[in-house]
Amino acid sequence: MAEQRHWGDAPPENEAEDELSLLDLALPLIEHWKLWILGSLAVGLAALGIAFLMTPVYTARTSFLPPQQQQSGLASALSSLGGLAGLAGAAGAIKSPADQYVALMQSVSATDRLIDQFDLTKAYESKYRFEARLALAQNTRIAIGKKDGLISVEVDDKDPKRASEMANAYVEELRRLTSTLAVSEAQQRRMFFEKELKDARDQLEKAQKALQASGFTIGALRAEPKAAAESYARLKAEITAAEVRTQVLRGSLAESAPELQRQVAQLSALRAQLARLEQAGDANVGPDYVSKYREFKYRETLFELFARQYELARVDESREGALIQVVDVAVPPEYKSKPKRGFIAVAATLASLLLLGMFILVRHFWRQSAADPEGAEKVARLRAALGRR
């Protein structure tokens, strides 16, 4: 049976050793409390004095609402484009616009302009431009609010006026970049349709010249190809849209995907219908004039389609533009943000308490070991080993 302890009995030997160990730790600290406590306080006061000698740093902050993308124009474009909308949407897809605006403000182009504008190479005492960029990045914080969606810019500088001017300059740089780059969905859509419109105009001019060069024959006049050519042009435009849609789906879906299979089947049916229409038209009249007239109407239809979508994209771009709405303009801060003198003094005091306590305990046990014959021999051997090194 386990031995039972009664009140007043002496504790086991191992517990006595534990209590003795705690006393061994407490006694040296109490005996040298002046060095431990007063020394730590002295270090804290010294750190506080050094903190007063440090150059104060001021933080200026500005926040703004990034441009909001319009969706009405996009919906209209999708409804009228059909399959072509897949390519336009793929060209204008933006995962996170706010992240892009933050990346633009942190780009080398924006930071270099700020370095030149405020002569930061001299202000940061940097020999090279990349050192000034690193210093500017360390003194700048750009964040996106999770709840309100606002983008905030905070800049630290020794000069409060320069800090506020630099924070506001970040917003101006973003305005400049968004006016020259296609960042938003409407801007990317406008650039896409602008390129397609130019190509469609060139192809239309070629088709018109080819039609004029073909001449008008009596058989072609009797065939009255206008209605047939217009239906042919519409059908061919649908095929072009279906082809683009199929390419977009193949870029994101597997060949076995049901949506892709349906799109491929629809494309095959449209091509078969076009082939039948071509055979019927060529059987009635000479193919030269009719084929060129069909090509002309097809190019004309595409040109009108892209022209409408280009105008819609321009309207959407003009609505959102680079409308950066500043919520809080950065002003010169009235009070410093660094250094935090109280925090520095308290941290230095606590660190000194820990380090001085360790020093007192190590010195005490070292001397105690040197006084013991067995420990003295080990100390002597340790000193000899260190001396040989």
Protein backbone atom coordinates (compact mmCIF):
# COMPACT_ATOMS: atom_id res chain seq x y z
CA MET A 1 0.00 0.00 0.00
CA ALA A 2 1.12 3.54 -0.65
CA GLU A 3 2.50 5.30 2.39
CA GLN A 4 0.11 7.95 3.74
CA ARG A 5 1.37 11.34 4.93
CA HIS A 6 -0.01 13.10 8.02
CA TRP A 7 -0.01 16.75 8.93
CA GLY A 8 3.24 17.74 10.56
CA ASP A 9 5.28 14.97 8.95
CA ALA A 10 8.52 16.02 7.26
CA PRO A 11 8.28 16.31 3.48
CA PRO A 12 10.06 13.79 1.30
CA GLU A 13 13.67 14.45 0.42
CA ASN A 14 12.98 15.39 -3.22
CA GLU A 15 10.37 17.99 -2.20
CA ALA A 16 12.77 19.50 0.29
CA GLU A 17 15.36 19.78 -2.44
CA ASP A 18 12.81 21.58 -4.66
CA GLU A 19 11.99 24.07 -1.90
CA LEU A 20 15.68 24.56 -1.28
CA SER A 21 16.25 25.24 -4.97
CA LEU A 22 13.62 27.97 -4.93
CA LEU A 23 15.30 29.52 -1.89
CA ASP A 24 18.65 29.33 -3.66
CA LEU A 25 17.15 31.33 -6.50
CA ALA A 26 15.42 33.88 -4.32
CA LEU A 27 18.24 34.58 -1.82
CA PRO A 28 20.84 35.93 -4.29
CA LEU A 29 18.26 38.23 -5.84
CA ILE A 30 17.16 39.56 -2.46
CA GLU A 31 20.76 40.01 -1.28
CA HIS A 32 21.60 42.05 -4.39
CA TRP A 33 18.25 43.78 -4.76
CA LYS A 34 19.86 47.19 -5.17
CA LEU A 35 21.83 46.03 -8.20
CA TRP A 36 18.81 44.20 -9.57
CA ILE A 37 16.07 46.81 -9.04
CA LEU A 38 18.00 50.06 -9.08
CA GLY A 39 20.16 48.91 -11.99
CA SER A 40 17.08 48.08 -14.06
CA LEU A 41 15.51 51.42 -13.22
CA ALA A 42 18.72 53.19 -14.22
CA VAL A 43 18.73 51.41 -17.57
CA GLY A 44 15.07 52.36 -18.11
CA LEU A 45 15.80 56.00 -17.34
CA ALA A 46 18.79 55.94 -19.68
CA ALA A 47 16.63 54.47 -22.45
CA LEU A 48 14.04 57.19 -21.82
CA GLY A 49 16.72 59.85 -22.13
CA ILE A 50 17.98 58.35 -25.37
CA ALA A 51 14.42 58.25 -26.69
CA PHE A 52 14.13 61.99 -26.06
CA LEU A 53 17.27 62.52 -28.13
CA MET A 54 15.87 60.57 -31.09
CA THR A 55 14.44 62.55 -34.01
CA PRO A 56 10.63 62.45 -33.90
CA VAL A 57 8.80 60.81 -36.80
CA TYR A 58 5.37 61.99 -37.97
CA THR A 59 2.72 59.91 -39.74
CA ALA A 60 0.31 61.41 -42.29
CA ARG A 61 -2.69 59.44 -43.48
CA THR A 62 -5.09 59.72 -46.40
CA SER A 63 -7.91 57.43 -47.46
CA PHE A 64 -9.94 57.25 -50.65
CA LEU A 65 -12.64 55.24 -52.36
CA PRO A 66 -11.25 53.48 -55.44
CA PRO A 67 -13.07 53.71 -58.80
CA GLN A 68 -16.19 51.59 -58.93
CA GLN A 69 -16.71 49.57 -62.09
CA GLN A 70 -19.95 49.93 -64.00
CA GLN A 71 -21.90 46.78 -64.83
CA SER A 72 -24.79 48.09 -66.94
CA GLY A 73 -22.70 48.64 -70.06
CA LEU A 74 -21.12 45.22 -69.70
CA ALA A 75 -24.49 43.52 -69.43
CA SER A 76 -25.65 45.29 -72.59
CA ALA A 77 -22.51 44.25 -74.41
CA LEU A 78 -22.93 40.62 -73.38
CA SER A 79 -26.54 40.51 -74.50
CA SER A 80 -25.80 41.85 -77.96
CA LEU A 81 -22.42 40.19 -78.52
CA GLY A 82 -23.41 36.63 -77.78
CA GLY A 83 -20.31 34.46 -78.15
CA LEU A 84 -18.00 37.42 -78.66
CA ALA A 85 -18.77 38.48 -75.08
CA GLY A 86 -16.67 35.60 -73.82
CA LEU A 87 -13.54 37.05 -75.37
CA ALA A 88 -14.36 40.58 -74.22
CA GLY A 89 -15.05 39.34 -70.71
CA ALA A 90 -11.85 37.33 -70.66
CA ALA A 91 -9.90 40.37 -71.78
CA GLY A 92 -11.48 42.58 -69.09
CA ALA A 93 -11.68 40.19 -66.13
CA ILE A 94 -10.24 41.69 -62.95
CA LYS A 95 -9.85 39.50 -59.89
CA SER A 96 -9.52 42.29 -57.35
CA PRO A 97 -9.44 45.92 -58.59
CA ALA A 98 -8.47 47.30 -55.16
CA ASP A 99 -5.40 45.06 -55.10
CA GLN A 100 -4.44 46.39 -58.52
CA TYR A 101 -4.69 49.99 -57.33
CA VAL A 102 -2.44 49.16 -54.37
CA ALA A 103 0.05 47.49 -56.71
CA LEU A 104 0.05 50.54 -58.98
CA MET A 105 0.90 52.86 -56.08
CA GLN A 106 3.72 50.50 -55.06
CA SER A 107 5.09 50.19 -58.59
CA VAL A 108 8.56 51.39 -59.54
CA SER A 109 7.04 54.03 -61.84
CA ALA A 110 5.06 55.63 -59.01
CA THR A 111 7.81 55.40 -56.39
CA ASP A 112 10.44 56.84 -58.73
CA ARG A 113 8.26 59.85 -59.45
CA LEU A 114 7.84 60.43 -55.71
CA ILE A 115 11.59 60.08 -55.20
CA ASP A 116 12.23 62.72 -57.85
CA GLN A 117 9.42 64.99 -56.68
CA PHE A 118 10.55 65.12 -53.04
CA ASP A 119 14.27 64.51 -53.61
CA LEU A 120 14.12 61.45 -51.35
CA THR A 121 17.57 60.24 -52.34
CA LYS A 122 18.95 63.19 -50.42
CA ALA A 123 16.34 63.06 -47.65
CA TYR A 124 17.04 59.38 -46.95
CA GLU A 125 20.78 59.84 -47.47
CA SER A 126 20.77 57.11 -50.12
CA LYS A 127 23.60 56.67 -52.55
CA TYR A 128 21.55 54.66 -55.03
CA ARG A 129 17.98 54.93 -56.19
CA PHE A 130 17.07 51.38 -55.13
CA GLU A 131 18.07 52.26 -51.56
CA ALA A 132 15.68 55.22 -51.66
CA ARG A 133 12.94 52.88 -52.94
CA LEU A 134 13.52 50.49 -50.03
CA ALA A 135 13.49 53.35 -47.53
CA LEU A 136 10.27 54.73 -49.01
CA ALA A 137 8.65 51.29 -48.88
CA GLN A 138 9.60 50.94 -45.20
CA ASN A 139 8.11 54.35 -44.42
CA THR A 140 4.87 53.74 -46.36
CA ARG A 141 1.91 51.52 -45.53
CA ILE A 142 -0.92 51.00 -48.04
CA ALA A 143 -3.86 48.88 -46.91
CA ILE A 144 -7.40 47.99 -48.02
CA GLY A 145 -10.17 48.23 -45.44
CA LYS A 146 -11.91 44.87 -45.03
CA LYS A 147 -15.24 46.38 -43.99
CA ASP A 148 -15.47 49.73 -45.76
CA GLY A 149 -13.36 48.94 -48.86
CA LEU A 150 -11.40 52.20 -48.53
CA ILE A 151 -7.72 52.30 -49.43
CA SER A 152 -5.57 54.06 -46.85
CA VAL A 153 -2.06 55.42 -47.34
CA GLU A 154 0.17 56.20 -44.34
CA VAL A 155 3.58 57.83 -44.75
CA ASP A 156 6.20 58.32 -42.03
CA ASP A 157 8.65 61.20 -42.27
CA LYS A 158 10.67 63.49 -40.05
CA ASP A 159 8.98 66.51 -41.64
CA PRO A 160 5.21 66.56 -40.96
CA LYS A 161 4.49 68.71 -44.01
CA ARG A 162 6.43 66.45 -46.34
CA ALA A 163 4.71 63.40 -44.86
CA SER A 164 1.27 64.78 -45.75
CA GLU A 165 2.39 65.90 -49.22
CA MET A 166 3.82 62.45 -49.95
CA ALA A 167 0.62 60.71 -48.83
CA ASN A 168 -1.45 62.93 -51.13
CA ALA A 169 1.09 62.44 -53.94
CA TYR A 170 0.39 58.70 -53.89
CA VAL A 171 -3.24 59.42 -54.76
CA GLU A 172 -2.21 61.76 -57.58
CA GLU A 173 0.13 59.10 -58.97
CA LEU A 174 -2.73 56.61 -58.96
CA ARG A 175 -4.88 59.10 -60.89
CA ARG A 176 -2.11 59.53 -63.44
CA LEU A 177 -1.58 55.79 -63.92
CA THR A 178 -5.27 54.95 -64.21
CA SER A 179 -5.67 57.63 -66.87
CA THR A 180 -2.94 56.07 -69.03
CA LEU A 181 -3.39 52.36 -68.31
CA ALA A 182 -6.40 50.14 -68.97
CA VAL A 183 -7.06 49.11 -65.39
CA SER A 184 -10.82 48.93 -65.10
CA GLU A 185 -13.12 46.53 -66.94
CA ALA A 186 -14.54 49.32 -69.11
CA GLN A 187 -11.07 50.53 -70.09
CA GLN A 188 -9.94 47.06 -71.08
CA ARG A 189 -13.19 46.48 -72.98
CA ARG A 190 -12.75 49.80 -74.79
CA MET A 191 -9.19 48.88 -75.85
CA PHE A 192 -10.35 45.44 -77.01
CA PHE A 193 -13.15 46.79 -79.19
CA GLU A 194 -10.98 49.64 -80.44
CA LYS A 195 -8.51 47.12 -81.86
CA GLU A 196 -11.28 44.94 -83.30
CA LEU A 197 -12.98 47.97 -84.83
CA LYS A 198 -9.79 49.02 -86.59
CA ASP A 199 -9.32 45.52 -88.04
CA ALA A 200 -12.97 45.37 -89.10
CA ARG A 201 -12.65 48.76 -90.86
CA ASP A 202 -9.61 47.57 -92.81
CA GLN A 203 -11.32 44.36 -93.85
CA LEU A 204 -14.46 46.26 -94.86
CA GLU A 205 -12.46 48.54 -97.12
CA LYS A 206 -10.82 45.55 -98.79
CA ALA A 207 -14.18 43.85 -99.30
CA GLN A 208 -15.66 47.04 -100.76
CA LYS A 209 -12.82 47.41 -103.26
CA ALA A 210 -13.11 43.76 -104.26
CA LEU A 211 -16.87 44.17 -104.80
CA GLN A 212 -16.39 47.25 -106.95
CA ALA A 213 -13.76 45.47 -109.01
CA SER A 214 -16.04 42.49 -109.70
CA GLY A 215 -18.61 44.51 -111.71
CA PHE A 216 -22.36 43.95 -112.12
CA THR A 217 -23.62 41.20 -114.43
CA ILE A 218 -27.18 40.67 -115.77
CA GLY A 219 -27.42 37.36 -113.97
CA ALA A 220 -26.37 38.94 -110.71
CA LEU A 221 -29.00 41.65 -111.09
CA ARG A 222 -31.70 39.08 -111.76
CA ALA A 223 -30.62 37.10 -108.67
CA GLU A 224 -31.26 40.13 -106.41
CA PRO A 225 -28.61 38.97 -103.95
CA LYS A 226 -29.21 41.68 -101.33
CA ALA A 227 -31.58 39.76 -99.07
CA ALA A 228 -29.64 36.52 -99.44
CA ALA A 229 -26.34 38.26 -98.80
CA GLU A 230 -27.64 39.98 -95.69
CA SER A 231 -28.87 36.69 -94.23
CA TYR A 232 -25.55 35.15 -95.22
CA ALA A 233 -23.68 37.93 -93.43
CA ARG A 234 -25.73 37.52 -90.29
CA LEU A 235 -25.18 33.76 -90.32
CA LYS A 236 -21.46 34.12 -90.82
CA ALA A 237 -21.25 36.68 -88.00
CA GLU A 238 -23.01 34.18 -85.73
CA ILE A 239 -20.46 31.54 -86.74
CA THR A 240 -17.61 33.92 -85.90
CA ALA A 241 -19.15 34.62 -82.50
CA ALA A 242 -19.63 30.88 -81.89
CA GLU A 243 -16.00 30.18 -82.85
CA VAL A 244 -14.73 32.81 -80.40
CA ARG A 245 -17.01 31.45 -77.69
CA THR A 246 -15.70 27.92 -78.32
CA GLN A 247 -12.09 29.12 -78.02
CA VAL A 248 -12.85 30.85 -74.73
CA LEU A 249 -14.56 27.74 -73.32
CA ARG A 250 -11.67 25.50 -74.40
CA GLY A 251 -9.31 27.73 -72.47
CA SER A 252 -11.19 27.15 -69.22
CA LEU A 253 -13.05 23.80 -69.62
CA ALA A 254 -12.16 20.25 -70.55
CA GLU A 255 -13.17 18.82 -73.93
CA SER A 256 -15.70 16.55 -72.22
CA ALA A 257 -17.52 19.42 -70.48
CA PRO A 258 -21.25 19.54 -71.40
CA GLU A 259 -21.21 23.29 -72.04
CA LEU A 260 -18.30 22.94 -74.46
CA GLN A 261 -19.92 19.99 -76.22
CA ARG A 262 -23.14 21.98 -76.73
CA GLN A 263 -21.16 24.91 -78.11
CA VAL A 264 -19.27 22.67 -80.55
CA ALA A 265 -22.53 21.12 -81.73
CA GLN A 266 -24.09 24.55 -82.26
CA LEU A 267 -21.03 25.67 -84.24
CA SER A 268 -21.23 22.59 -86.47
CA ALA A 269 -24.92 23.23 -87.17
CA LEU A 270 -24.26 26.85 -88.12
CA ARG A 271 -21.44 25.83 -90.46
CA ALA A 272 -23.66 23.27 -92.15
CA GLN A 273 -26.38 25.89 -92.64
CA LEU A 274 -23.82 28.29 -94.13
CA ALA A 275 -22.60 25.61 -96.54
CA ARG A 276 -26.14 24.96 -97.78
CA LEU A 277 -26.71 28.68 -98.27
CA GLU A 278 -23.50 29.04 -100.27
CA GLN A 279 -24.39 26.12 -102.52
CA ALA A 280 -27.86 27.53 -103.19
CA GLY A 281 -26.50 30.97 -104.02
CA ASP A 282 -23.74 29.73 -106.30
CA ALA A 283 -26.18 27.56 -108.25
CA ASN A 284 -28.31 30.58 -109.25
CA VAL A 285 -25.72 33.12 -110.40
CA GLY A 286 -22.04 33.48 -110.98
CA PRO A 287 -20.12 32.99 -107.76
CA ASP A 288 -17.71 35.89 -108.25
CA TYR A 289 -20.06 38.80 -107.63
CA VAL A 290 -22.24 37.03 -105.09
CA SER A 291 -19.30 35.82 -102.97
CA LYS A 292 -17.77 39.28 -102.93
CA TYR A 293 -21.11 40.85 -102.09
CA ARG A 294 -21.54 38.38 -99.26
CA GLU A 295 -18.06 39.13 -97.96
CA PHE A 296 -18.79 42.85 -98.12
CA LYS A 297 -22.05 42.50 -96.15
CA TYR A 298 -20.34 40.23 -93.61
CA ARG A 299 -17.56 42.76 -93.01
CA GLU A 300 -20.12 45.56 -92.84
CA THR A 301 -22.11 43.67 -90.19
CA LEU A 302 -19.02 43.04 -88.10
CA PHE A 303 -17.97 46.68 -88.39
CA GLU A 304 -21.37 47.89 -87.16
CA LEU A 305 -21.31 45.36 -84.31
CA PHE A 306 -17.89 46.41 -83.07
CA ALA A 307 -18.71 50.09 -83.52
CA ARG A 308 -21.73 49.78 -81.20
CA GLN A 309 -19.76 47.91 -78.55
CA TYR A 310 -16.88 50.38 -78.80
CA GLU A 311 -19.24 53.29 -78.15
CA LEU A 312 -20.78 51.45 -75.17
CA ALA A 313 -17.34 50.83 -73.71
CA ARG A 314 -16.42 54.50 -74.16
CA VAL A 315 -19.59 55.56 -72.34
CA ASP A 316 -18.86 53.18 -69.44
CA GLU A 317 -15.26 54.38 -69.29
CA SER A 318 -16.35 58.00 -69.17
CA ARG A 319 -18.72 57.19 -66.30
CA GLU A 320 -16.14 55.55 -64.10
CA GLY A 321 -13.09 57.26 -65.57
CA ALA A 322 -10.47 57.43 -62.88
CA LEU A 323 -12.94 58.75 -60.34
CA ILE A 324 -10.88 58.41 -57.18
CA GLN A 325 -12.94 59.91 -54.37
CA VAL A 326 -10.73 61.09 -51.52
CA VAL A 327 -12.41 60.63 -48.15
CA ASP A 328 -9.68 62.03 -45.88
CA VAL A 329 -7.03 64.36 -47.28
CA ALA A 330 -3.66 64.02 -45.56
CA VAL A 331 -2.79 67.04 -43.42
CA PRO A 332 0.45 67.74 -41.54
CA PRO A 333 0.23 65.76 -38.26
CA GLU A 334 0.39 67.78 -35.06
CA TYR A 335 1.94 65.09 -32.87
CA LYS A 336 4.70 62.57 -33.48
CA SER A 337 4.03 58.87 -33.94
CA LYS A 338 7.58 57.68 -33.17
CA PRO A 339 9.51 57.10 -31.01
CA LYS A 340 7.16 55.85 -28.28
CA ARG A 341 9.24 56.93 -25.32
CA GLY A 342 7.12 55.32 -22.60
CA PHE A 343 7.13 51.96 -24.36
CA ILE A 344 10.90 52.14 -24.89
CA ALA A 345 11.54 52.91 -21.21
CA VAL A 346 9.25 50.12 -19.94
CA ALA A 347 10.69 47.57 -22.37
CA ALA A 348 14.25 48.49 -21.43
CA THR A 349 13.43 48.21 -17.71
CA LEU A 350 11.84 44.77 -18.08
CA ALA A 351 14.68 43.51 -20.23
CA SER A 352 17.20 44.79 -17.67
CA LEU A 353 15.34 43.02 -14.85
CA LEU A 354 15.59 39.76 -16.73
CA LEU A 355 19.23 40.14 -17.77
CA LEU A 356 20.46 41.46 -14.40
CA GLY A 357 18.59 38.69 -12.57
CA MET A 358 20.28 36.09 -14.76
CA PHE A 359 23.65 37.74 -14.19
CA ILE A 360 23.22 37.75 -10.39
CA LEU A 361 22.18 34.09 -10.31
CA VAL A 362 24.97 32.92 -12.62
CA ARG A 363 27.59 34.83 -10.61
CA HIS A 364 26.23 33.48 -7.32
CA PHE A 365 26.28 29.83 -8.41
CA TRP A 366 29.69 30.28 -10.00
CA ARG A 367 31.17 31.55 -6.78
CA GLN A 368 29.39 28.82 -4.80
CA SER A 369 30.81 26.17 -7.09
CA ALA A 370 34.32 27.68 -6.78
CA ALA A 371 34.08 27.52 -2.96
CA ASP A 372 33.21 23.81 -2.98
CA PRO A 373 36.33 21.55 -3.33
CA GLU A 374 34.74 19.36 -5.99
CA GLY A 375 33.32 22.36 -7.78
CA ALA A 376 36.63 24.24 -7.51
CA GLU A 377 38.36 21.43 -9.35
CA LYS A 378 35.76 21.60 -12.15
CA VAL A 379 36.11 25.38 -12.34
CA ALA A 380 39.88 25.08 -12.58
CA ARG A 381 39.58 22.53 -15.36
CA LEU A 382 37.09 24.77 -17.19
CA ARG A 383 39.42 27.80 -16.90
CA ALA A 384 42.32 25.73 -18.15
CA ALA A 385 40.29 24.54 -21.15
CA LEU A 386 39.23 28.09 -21.96
CA GLY A 387 42.82 29.28 -21.57
CA ARG A 388 44.08 26.75 -24.12
CA ARG A 389 41.57 28.08 -26.60
